[in-house]
């Protein structure tokens, strides 16, 4: 695969969410579809992405226990504090 094809494939990956949501402008959508038609790796990627979206839509929401929420907040806060530059 050439560098140009790689670039186009990366662009497809970046636009895929908007494409599947139907929010891409028509001209961009048509270019994306034209690329996908001739690119087997992108066809596979799009199909996998669609499958993942469908699978996650079937998941049900689960309430996080309060103790776990608190522990998660503590961990995230300590990481954030550790990453902040010291004066």
PDB file of N, CA and C in Angstrom:
ATOM      1  N   UNK A   1       0.841  -1.175   0.000  1.00  0.00           N
ATOM      2  CA  UNK A   1       0.000   0.000   0.000  1.00  0.00           C
ATOM      3  C   UNK A   1       0.887   1.241   0.000  1.00  0.00           C
ATOM      4  N   UNK A   2       0.562   2.229  -0.802  1.00  0.00           N
ATOM      5  CA  UNK A   2       1.388   3.432  -0.911  1.00  0.00           C
ATOM      6  C   UNK A   2       1.117   4.367   0.254  1.00  0.00           C
ATOM      7  N   UNK A   3       2.016   5.375   0.409  1.00  0.00           N
ATOM      8  CA  UNK A   3       1.812   6.367   1.458  1.00  0.00           C
ATOM      9  C   UNK A   3       0.507   7.123   1.233  1.00  0.00           C
ATOM     10  N   UNK A   4       0.162   7.405  -0.029  1.00  0.00           N
ATOM     11  CA  UNK A   4      -1.083   8.111  -0.343  1.00  0.00           C
ATOM     12  C   UNK A   4      -2.289   7.279   0.093  1.00  0.00           C
ATOM     13  N   UNK A   5      -2.255   5.991  -0.200  1.00  0.00           N
ATOM     14  CA  UNK A   5      -3.362   5.114   0.211  1.00  0.00           C
ATOM     15  C   UNK A   5      -3.448   5.054   1.731  1.00  0.00           C
ATOM     16  N   UNK A   6      -2.301   5.004   2.413  1.00  0.00           N
ATOM     17  CA  UNK A   6      -2.296   4.992   3.873  1.00  0.00           C
ATOM     18  C   UNK A   6      -2.952   6.247   4.419  1.00  0.00           C
ATOM     19  N   UNK A   7      -2.624   7.391   3.833  1.00  0.00           N
ATOM     20  CA  UNK A   7      -3.202   8.649   4.267  1.00  0.00           C
ATOM     21  C   UNK A   7      -4.715   8.623   4.089  1.00  0.00           C
ATOM     22  N   UNK A   8      -5.160   8.156   2.951  1.00  0.00           N
ATOM     23  CA  UNK A   8      -6.593   8.090   2.703  1.00  0.00           C
ATOM     24  C   UNK A   8      -7.272   7.152   3.704  1.00  0.00           C
ATOM     25  N   UNK A   9      -6.653   6.028   3.988  1.00  0.00           N
ATOM     26  CA  UNK A   9      -7.233   5.083   4.942  1.00  0.00           C
ATOM     27  C   UNK A   9      -7.309   5.696   6.332  1.00  0.00           C
ATOM     28  N   UNK A  10      -6.289   6.430   6.744  1.00  0.00           N
ATOM     29  CA  UNK A  10      -6.327   7.109   8.048  1.00  0.00           C
ATOM     30  C   UNK A  10      -7.459   8.124   8.078  1.00  0.00           C
ATOM     31  N   UNK A  11      -7.649   8.829   6.971  1.00  0.00           N
ATOM     32  CA  UNK A  11      -8.737   9.800   6.910  1.00  0.00           C
ATOM     33  C   UNK A  11     -10.087   9.100   7.027  1.00  0.00           C
ATOM     34  N   UNK A  12     -10.219   7.952   6.404  1.00  0.00           N
ATOM     35  CA  UNK A  12     -11.464   7.174   6.495  1.00  0.00           C
ATOM     36  C   UNK A  12     -11.728   6.847   7.964  1.00  0.00           C
ATOM     37  N   UNK A  13     -10.717   6.376   8.653  1.00  0.00           N
ATOM     38  CA  UNK A  13     -10.871   6.005  10.059  1.00  0.00           C
ATOM     39  C   UNK A  13     -11.307   7.214  10.889  1.00  0.00           C
ATOM     40  N   UNK A  14     -10.758   8.392  10.599  1.00  0.00           N
ATOM     41  CA  UNK A  14     -11.099   9.594  11.346  1.00  0.00           C
ATOM     42  C   UNK A  14     -12.537  10.046  11.087  1.00  0.00           C
ATOM     43  N   UNK A  15     -13.048   9.783   9.897  1.00  0.00           N
ATOM     44  CA  UNK A  15     -14.383  10.244   9.506  1.00  0.00           C
ATOM     45  C   UNK A  15     -15.473   9.199   9.730  1.00  0.00           C
ATOM     46  N   UNK A  16     -15.098   8.011  10.115  1.00  0.00           N
ATOM     47  CA  UNK A  16     -16.041   6.898  10.143  1.00  0.00           C
ATOM     48  C   UNK A  16     -17.225   7.123  11.079  1.00  0.00           C
ATOM     49  N   UNK A  17     -16.984   7.667  12.254  1.00  0.00           N
ATOM     50  CA  UNK A  17     -18.078   7.924  13.180  1.00  0.00           C
ATOM     51  C   UNK A  17     -19.119   8.860  12.578  1.00  0.00           C
ATOM     52  N   UNK A  18     -18.653   9.948  11.977  1.00  0.00           N
ATOM     53  CA  UNK A  18     -19.572  10.898  11.340  1.00  0.00           C
ATOM     54  C   UNK A  18     -20.270  10.269  10.144  1.00  0.00           C
ATOM     55  N   UNK A  19     -19.553   9.421   9.430  1.00  0.00           N
ATOM     56  CA  UNK A  19     -20.149   8.741   8.274  1.00  0.00           C
ATOM     57  C   UNK A  19     -21.303   7.845   8.723  1.00  0.00           C
ATOM     58  N   UNK A  20     -21.070   7.046   9.736  1.00  0.00           N
ATOM     59  CA  UNK A  20     -22.110   6.130  10.200  1.00  0.00           C
ATOM     60  C   UNK A  20     -23.264   6.869  10.881  1.00  0.00           C
ATOM     61  N   UNK A  21     -22.969   8.035  11.452  1.00  0.00           N
ATOM     62  CA  UNK A  21     -24.031   8.857  12.046  1.00  0.00           C
ATOM     63  C   UNK A  21     -24.842   9.596  10.985  1.00  0.00           C
ATOM     64  N   UNK A  22     -24.296   9.647   9.768  1.00  0.00           N
ATOM     65  CA  UNK A  22     -24.979  10.370   8.700  1.00  0.00           C
ATOM     66  C   UNK A  22     -24.792  11.868   8.762  1.00  0.00           C
ATOM     67  N   UNK A  23     -23.705  12.316   9.408  1.00  0.00           N
ATOM     68  CA  UNK A  23     -23.490  13.755   9.576  1.00  0.00           C
ATOM     69  C   UNK A  23     -22.429  14.336   8.643  1.00  0.00           C
ATOM     70  N   UNK A  24     -21.854  13.521   7.770  1.00  0.00           N
ATOM     71  CA  UNK A  24     -20.860  14.039   6.819  1.00  0.00           C
ATOM     72  C   UNK A  24     -21.552  14.797   5.698  1.00  0.00           C
ATOM     73  N   UNK A  25     -20.907  15.845   5.199  1.00  0.00           N
ATOM     74  CA  UNK A  25     -21.442  16.496   4.000  1.00  0.00           C
ATOM     75  C   UNK A  25     -21.488  15.491   2.846  1.00  0.00           C
ATOM     76  N   UNK A  26     -22.432  15.679   1.949  1.00  0.00           N
ATOM     77  CA  UNK A  26     -22.643  14.730   0.846  1.00  0.00           C
ATOM     78  C   UNK A  26     -21.375  14.475   0.043  1.00  0.00           C
ATOM     79  N   UNK A  27     -20.644  15.529  -0.298  1.00  0.00           N
ATOM     80  CA  UNK A  27     -19.444  15.350  -1.122  1.00  0.00           C
ATOM     81  C   UNK A  27     -18.397  14.513  -0.392  1.00  0.00           C
ATOM     82  N   UNK A  28     -18.228  14.746   0.892  1.00  0.00           N
ATOM     83  CA  UNK A  28     -17.264  13.964   1.685  1.00  0.00           C
ATOM     84  C   UNK A  28     -17.722  12.522   1.790  1.00  0.00           C
ATOM     85  N   UNK A  29     -19.024  12.323   2.032  1.00  0.00           N
ATOM     86  CA  UNK A  29     -19.574  10.963   2.116  1.00  0.00           C
ATOM     87  C   UNK A  29     -19.346  10.201   0.821  1.00  0.00           C
ATOM     88  N   UNK A  30     -19.560  10.855  -0.313  1.00  0.00           N
ATOM     89  CA  UNK A  30     -19.375  10.198  -1.604  1.00  0.00           C
ATOM     90  C   UNK A  30     -17.909   9.826  -1.836  1.00  0.00           C
ATOM     91  N   UNK A  31     -16.987  10.711  -1.467  1.00  0.00           N
ATOM     92  CA  UNK A  31     -15.557  10.396  -1.597  1.00  0.00           C
ATOM     93  C   UNK A  31     -15.175   9.229  -0.691  1.00  0.00           C
ATOM     94  N   UNK A  32     -15.690   9.235   0.519  1.00  0.00           N
ATOM     95  CA  UNK A  32     -15.409   8.155   1.457  1.00  0.00           C
ATOM     96  C   UNK A  32     -15.924   6.831   0.908  1.00  0.00           C
ATOM     97  N   UNK A  33     -17.152   6.827   0.406  1.00  0.00           N
ATOM     98  CA  UNK A  33     -17.720   5.598  -0.150  1.00  0.00           C
ATOM     99  C   UNK A  33     -16.947   5.132  -1.376  1.00  0.00           C
ATOM    100  N   UNK A  34     -16.500   6.064  -2.196  1.00  0.00           N
ATOM    101  CA  UNK A  34     -15.700   5.711  -3.372  1.00  0.00           C
ATOM    102  C   UNK A  34     -14.403   5.033  -2.940  1.00  0.00           C
ATOM    103  N   UNK A  35     -13.759   5.587  -1.907  1.00  0.00           N
ATOM    104  CA  UNK A  35     -12.508   4.990  -1.417  1.00  0.00           C
ATOM    105  C   UNK A  35     -12.770   3.592  -0.867  1.00  0.00           C
ATOM    106  N   UNK A  36     -13.813   3.468  -0.046  1.00  0.00           N
ATOM    107  CA  UNK A  36     -14.099   2.183   0.594  1.00  0.00           C
ATOM    108  C   UNK A  36     -14.360   1.099  -0.446  1.00  0.00           C
ATOM    109  N   UNK A  37     -15.076   1.441  -1.518  1.00  0.00           N
ATOM    110  CA  UNK A  37     -15.396   0.452  -2.563  1.00  0.00           C
ATOM    111  C   UNK A  37     -14.146  -0.205  -3.142  1.00  0.00           C
ATOM    112  N   UNK A  38     -13.052   0.544  -3.210  1.00  0.00           N
ATOM    113  CA  UNK A  38     -11.839   0.010  -3.811  1.00  0.00           C
ATOM    114  C   UNK A  38     -10.761  -0.381  -2.819  1.00  0.00           C
ATOM    115  N   UNK A  39     -11.098  -0.441  -1.533  1.00  0.00           N
ATOM    116  CA  UNK A  39     -10.074  -0.698  -0.515  1.00  0.00           C
ATOM    117  C   UNK A  39     -10.541  -1.805   0.441  1.00  0.00           C
ATOM    118  N   UNK A  40     -10.145  -3.046   0.171  1.00  0.00           N
ATOM    119  CA  UNK A  40     -10.563  -4.156   1.050  1.00  0.00           C
ATOM    120  C   UNK A  40     -10.239  -3.955   2.531  1.00  0.00           C
ATOM    121  N   UNK A  41      -9.063  -3.387   2.898  1.00  0.00           N
ATOM    122  CA  UNK A  41      -8.823  -3.178   4.328  1.00  0.00           C
ATOM    123  C   UNK A  41      -9.834  -2.209   4.963  1.00  0.00           C
ATOM    124  N   UNK A  42     -10.249  -1.196   4.197  1.00  0.00           N
ATOM    125  CA  UNK A  42     -11.235  -0.255   4.736  1.00  0.00           C
ATOM    126  C   UNK A  42     -12.615  -0.897   4.828  1.00  0.00           C
ATOM    127  N   UNK A  43     -12.944  -1.760   3.881  1.00  0.00           N
ATOM    128  CA  UNK A  43     -14.218  -2.494   3.959  1.00  0.00           C
ATOM    129  C   UNK A  43     -14.239  -3.303   5.255  1.00  0.00           C
ATOM    130  N   UNK A  44     -13.159  -3.999   5.529  1.00  0.00           N
ATOM    131  CA  UNK A  44     -13.081  -4.812   6.749  1.00  0.00           C
ATOM    132  C   UNK A  44     -13.169  -3.928   7.997  1.00  0.00           C
ATOM    133  N   UNK A  45     -12.491  -2.785   7.960  1.00  0.00           N
ATOM    134  CA  UNK A  45     -12.499  -1.868   9.092  1.00  0.00           C
ATOM    135  C   UNK A  45     -13.903  -1.324   9.337  1.00  0.00           C
ATOM    136  N   UNK A  46     -14.576  -0.903   8.272  1.00  0.00           N
ATOM    137  CA  UNK A  46     -15.937  -0.369   8.391  1.00  0.00           C
ATOM    138  C   UNK A  46     -16.874  -1.434   8.947  1.00  0.00           C
ATOM    139  N   UNK A  47     -16.785  -2.639   8.445  1.00  0.00           N
ATOM    140  CA  UNK A  47     -17.648  -3.723   8.932  1.00  0.00           C
ATOM    141  C   UNK A  47     -17.398  -4.020  10.410  1.00  0.00           C
ATOM    142  N   UNK A  48     -16.146  -4.021  10.806  1.00  0.00           N
ATOM    143  CA  UNK A  48     -15.799  -4.254  12.209  1.00  0.00           C
ATOM    144  C   UNK A  48     -16.324  -3.124  13.086  1.00  0.00           C
ATOM    145  N   UNK A  49     -16.160  -1.898  12.610  1.00  0.00           N
ATOM    146  CA  UNK A  49     -16.626  -0.730  13.349  1.00  0.00           C
ATOM    147  C   UNK A  49     -18.147  -0.784  13.523  1.00  0.00           C
ATOM    148  N   UNK A  50     -18.851  -1.089  12.437  1.00  0.00           N
ATOM    149  CA  UNK A  50     -20.314  -1.209  12.511  1.00  0.00           C
ATOM    150  C   UNK A  50     -20.721  -2.291  13.516  1.00  0.00           C
ATOM    151  N   UNK A  51     -20.030  -3.415  13.483  1.00  0.00           N
ATOM    152  CA  UNK A  51     -20.328  -4.493  14.422  1.00  0.00           C
ATOM    153  C   UNK A  51     -20.118  -4.072  15.859  1.00  0.00           C
ATOM    154  N   UNK A  52     -19.047  -3.324  16.103  1.00  0.00           N
ATOM    155  CA  UNK A  52     -18.772  -2.847  17.461  1.00  0.00           C
ATOM    156  C   UNK A  52     -19.855  -1.879  17.928  1.00  0.00           C
ATOM    157  N   UNK A  53     -20.283  -0.997  17.037  1.00  0.00           N
ATOM    158  CA  UNK A  53     -21.339  -0.040  17.383  1.00  0.00           C
ATOM    159  C   UNK A  53     -22.626  -0.787  17.715  1.00  0.00           C
ATOM    160  N   UNK A  54     -22.994  -1.757  16.894  1.00  0.00           N
ATOM    161  CA  UNK A  54     -24.211  -2.529  17.147  1.00  0.00           C
ATOM    162  C   UNK A  54     -24.123  -3.285  18.470  1.00  0.00           C
ATOM    163  N   UNK A  55     -22.968  -3.856  18.747  1.00  0.00           N
ATOM    164  CA  UNK A  55     -22.789  -4.612  19.986  1.00  0.00           C
ATOM    165  C   UNK A  55     -22.910  -3.706  21.207  1.00  0.00           C
ATOM    166  N   UNK A  56     -22.319  -2.518  21.151  1.00  0.00           N
ATOM    167  CA  UNK A  56     -22.383  -1.617  22.304  1.00  0.00           C
ATOM    168  C   UNK A  56     -23.789  -1.055  22.504  1.00  0.00           C
ATOM    169  N   UNK A  57     -24.548  -0.926  21.423  1.00  0.00           N
ATOM    170  CA  UNK A  57     -25.920  -0.434  21.554  1.00  0.00           C
ATOM    171  C   UNK A  57     -26.804  -1.437  22.290  1.00  0.00           C
ATOM    172  N   UNK A  58     -26.418  -2.686  22.302  1.00  0.00           N
ATOM    173  CA  UNK A  58     -27.199  -3.726  22.971  1.00  0.00           C
ATOM    174  C   UNK A  58     -26.870  -3.830  24.460  1.00  0.00           C
ATOM    175  N   UNK A  59     -25.795  -3.181  24.882  1.00  0.00           N
ATOM    176  CA  UNK A  59     -25.408  -3.241  26.287  1.00  0.00           C
ATOM    177  C   UNK A  59     -26.397  -2.439  27.129  1.00  0.00           C
ATOM    178  N   UNK A  60     -26.631  -2.918  28.305  1.00  0.00           N
ATOM    179  CA  UNK A  60     -27.525  -2.182  29.191  1.00  0.00           C
ATOM    180  C   UNK A  60     -26.680  -1.383  30.185  1.00  0.00           C
ATOM    181  N   UNK A  61     -27.252  -0.303  30.657  1.00  0.00           N
ATOM    182  CA  UNK A  61     -26.566   0.530  31.647  1.00  0.00           C
ATOM    183  C   UNK A  61     -26.545  -0.195  32.981  1.00  0.00           C
ATOM    184  N   UNK A  62     -25.422  -0.110  33.649  1.00  0.00           N
ATOM    185  CA  UNK A  62     -25.271  -0.728  34.963  1.00  0.00           C
ATOM    186  C   UNK A  62     -24.821   0.364  35.927  1.00  0.00           C
ATOM    187  N   UNK A  63     -25.519   0.458  37.031  1.00  0.00           N
ATOM    188  CA  UNK A  63     -25.157   1.457  38.042  1.00  0.00           C
ATOM    189  C   UNK A  63     -23.861   1.034  38.733  1.00  0.00           C
ATOM    190  N   UNK A  64     -22.957   1.975  38.870  1.00  0.00           N
ATOM    191  CA  UNK A  64     -21.691   1.708  39.559  1.00  0.00           C
ATOM    192  C   UNK A  64     -21.941   1.855  41.062  1.00  0.00           C
ATOM    193  N   UNK A  65     -21.515   0.891  41.846  1.00  0.00           N
ATOM    194  CA  UNK A  65     -21.695   0.997  43.305  1.00  0.00           C
ATOM    195  C   UNK A  65     -20.991   2.252  43.840  1.00  0.00           C
ATOM    196  N   UNK A  66     -21.575   2.922  44.824  1.00  0.00           N
ATOM    197  CA  UNK A  66     -20.998   4.168  45.359  1.00  0.00           C
ATOM    198  C   UNK A  66     -19.544   4.016  45.817  1.00  0.00           C
ATOM    199  N   UNK A  67     -19.209   2.868  46.430  1.00  0.00           N
ATOM    200  CA  UNK A  67     -17.835   2.662  46.904  1.00  0.00           C
ATOM    201  C   UNK A  67     -16.845   2.660  45.733  1.00  0.00           C
ATOM    202  N   UNK A  68     -17.234   2.015  44.642  1.00  0.00           N
ATOM    203  CA  UNK A  68     -16.369   1.964  43.469  1.00  0.00           C
ATOM    204  C   UNK A  68     -16.222   3.343  42.842  1.00  0.00           C
ATOM    205  N   UNK A  69     -17.309   4.105  42.788  1.00  0.00           N
ATOM    206  CA  UNK A  69     -17.239   5.480  42.268  1.00  0.00           C
ATOM    207  C   UNK A  69     -16.234   6.301  43.060  1.00  0.00           C
ATOM    208  N   UNK A  70     -16.307   6.196  44.383  1.00  0.00           N
ATOM    209  CA  UNK A  70     -15.410   6.971  45.238  1.00  0.00           C
ATOM    210  C   UNK A  70     -13.958   6.558  45.028  1.00  0.00           C
ATOM    211  N   UNK A  71     -13.710   5.264  44.944  1.00  0.00           N
ATOM    212  CA  UNK A  71     -12.335   4.793  44.722  1.00  0.00           C
ATOM    213  C   UNK A  71     -11.816   5.273  43.371  1.00  0.00           C
ATOM    214  N   UNK A  72     -12.663   5.209  42.345  1.00  0.00           N
ATOM    215  CA  UNK A  72     -12.269   5.660  41.012  1.00  0.00           C
ATOM    216  C   UNK A  72     -11.949   7.148  41.019  1.00  0.00           C
ATOM    217  N   UNK A  73     -12.794   7.934  41.674  1.00  0.00           N
ATOM    218  CA  UNK A  73     -12.530   9.380  41.775  1.00  0.00           C
ATOM    219  C   UNK A  73     -11.209   9.647  42.475  1.00  0.00           C
ATOM    220  N   UNK A  74     -10.928   8.904  43.520  1.00  0.00           N
ATOM    221  CA  UNK A  74      -9.681   9.087  44.265  1.00  0.00           C
ATOM    222  C   UNK A  74      -8.468   8.782  43.394  1.00  0.00           C
ATOM    223  N   UNK A  75      -8.544   7.694  42.661  1.00  0.00           N
ATOM    224  CA  UNK A  75      -7.431   7.312  41.776  1.00  0.00           C
ATOM    225  C   UNK A  75      -7.232   8.375  40.705  1.00  0.00           C
ATOM    226  N   UNK A  76      -8.314   8.808  40.061  1.00  0.00           N
ATOM    227  CA  UNK A  76      -8.198   9.815  39.004  1.00  0.00           C
ATOM    228  C   UNK A  76      -7.668  11.131  39.553  1.00  0.00           C
ATOM    229  N   UNK A  77      -8.123  11.535  40.738  1.00  0.00           N
ATOM    230  CA  UNK A  77      -7.640  12.766  41.343  1.00  0.00           C
ATOM    231  C   UNK A  77      -6.154  12.664  41.657  1.00  0.00           C
ATOM    232  N   UNK A  78      -5.721  11.542  42.196  1.00  0.00           N
ATOM    233  CA  UNK A  78      -4.303  11.401  42.533  1.00  0.00           C
ATOM    234  C   UNK A  78      -3.437  11.409  41.274  1.00  0.00           C
ATOM    235  N   UNK A  79      -3.921  10.810  40.199  1.00  0.00           N
ATOM    236  CA  UNK A  79      -3.173  10.844  38.939  1.00  0.00           C
ATOM    237  C   UNK A  79      -3.112  12.258  38.376  1.00  0.00           C
ATOM    238  N   UNK A  80      -4.249  12.954  38.435  1.00  0.00           N
ATOM    239  CA  UNK A  80      -4.276  14.328  37.934  1.00  0.00           C
ATOM    240  C   UNK A  80      -3.312  15.191  38.735  1.00  0.00           C
ATOM    241  N   UNK A  81      -3.344  15.040  40.060  1.00  0.00           N
ATOM    242  CA  UNK A  81      -2.460  15.830  40.913  1.00  0.00           C
ATOM    243  C   UNK A  81      -0.993  15.509  40.636  1.00  0.00           C
ATOM    244  N   UNK A  82      -0.701  14.244  40.364  1.00  0.00           N
ATOM    245  CA  UNK A  82       0.682  13.835  40.080  1.00  0.00           C
ATOM    246  C   UNK A  82       1.171  14.388  38.745  1.00  0.00           C
ATOM    247  N   UNK A  83       0.257  14.602  37.799  1.00  0.00           N
ATOM    248  CA  UNK A  83       0.640  15.085  36.473  1.00  0.00           C
ATOM    249  C   UNK A  83       0.758  16.601  36.403  1.00  0.00           C
ATOM    250  N   UNK A  84       0.184  17.309  37.380  1.00  0.00           N
ATOM    251  CA  UNK A  84       0.240  18.762  37.348  1.00  0.00           C
ATOM    252  C   UNK A  84       1.651  19.223  37.658  1.00  0.00           C
ATOM    253  N   UNK A  85       2.131  20.199  36.862  1.00  0.00           N
ATOM    254  CA  UNK A  85       3.485  20.701  37.085  1.00  0.00           C
ATOM    255  C   UNK A  85       3.573  21.420  38.450  1.00  0.00           C
ATOM    256  N   UNK A  86       4.685  21.225  39.101  1.00  0.00           N
ATOM    257  CA  UNK A  86       4.905  21.872  40.403  1.00  0.00           C
ATOM    258  C   UNK A  86       5.595  23.201  40.172  1.00  0.00           C
ATOM    259  N   UNK A  87       5.191  24.216  40.920  1.00  0.00           N
ATOM    260  CA  UNK A  87       5.785  25.554  40.779  1.00  0.00           C
ATOM    261  C   UNK A  87       6.995  25.704  41.642  1.00  0.00           C
TER     262      UNK A  87
END
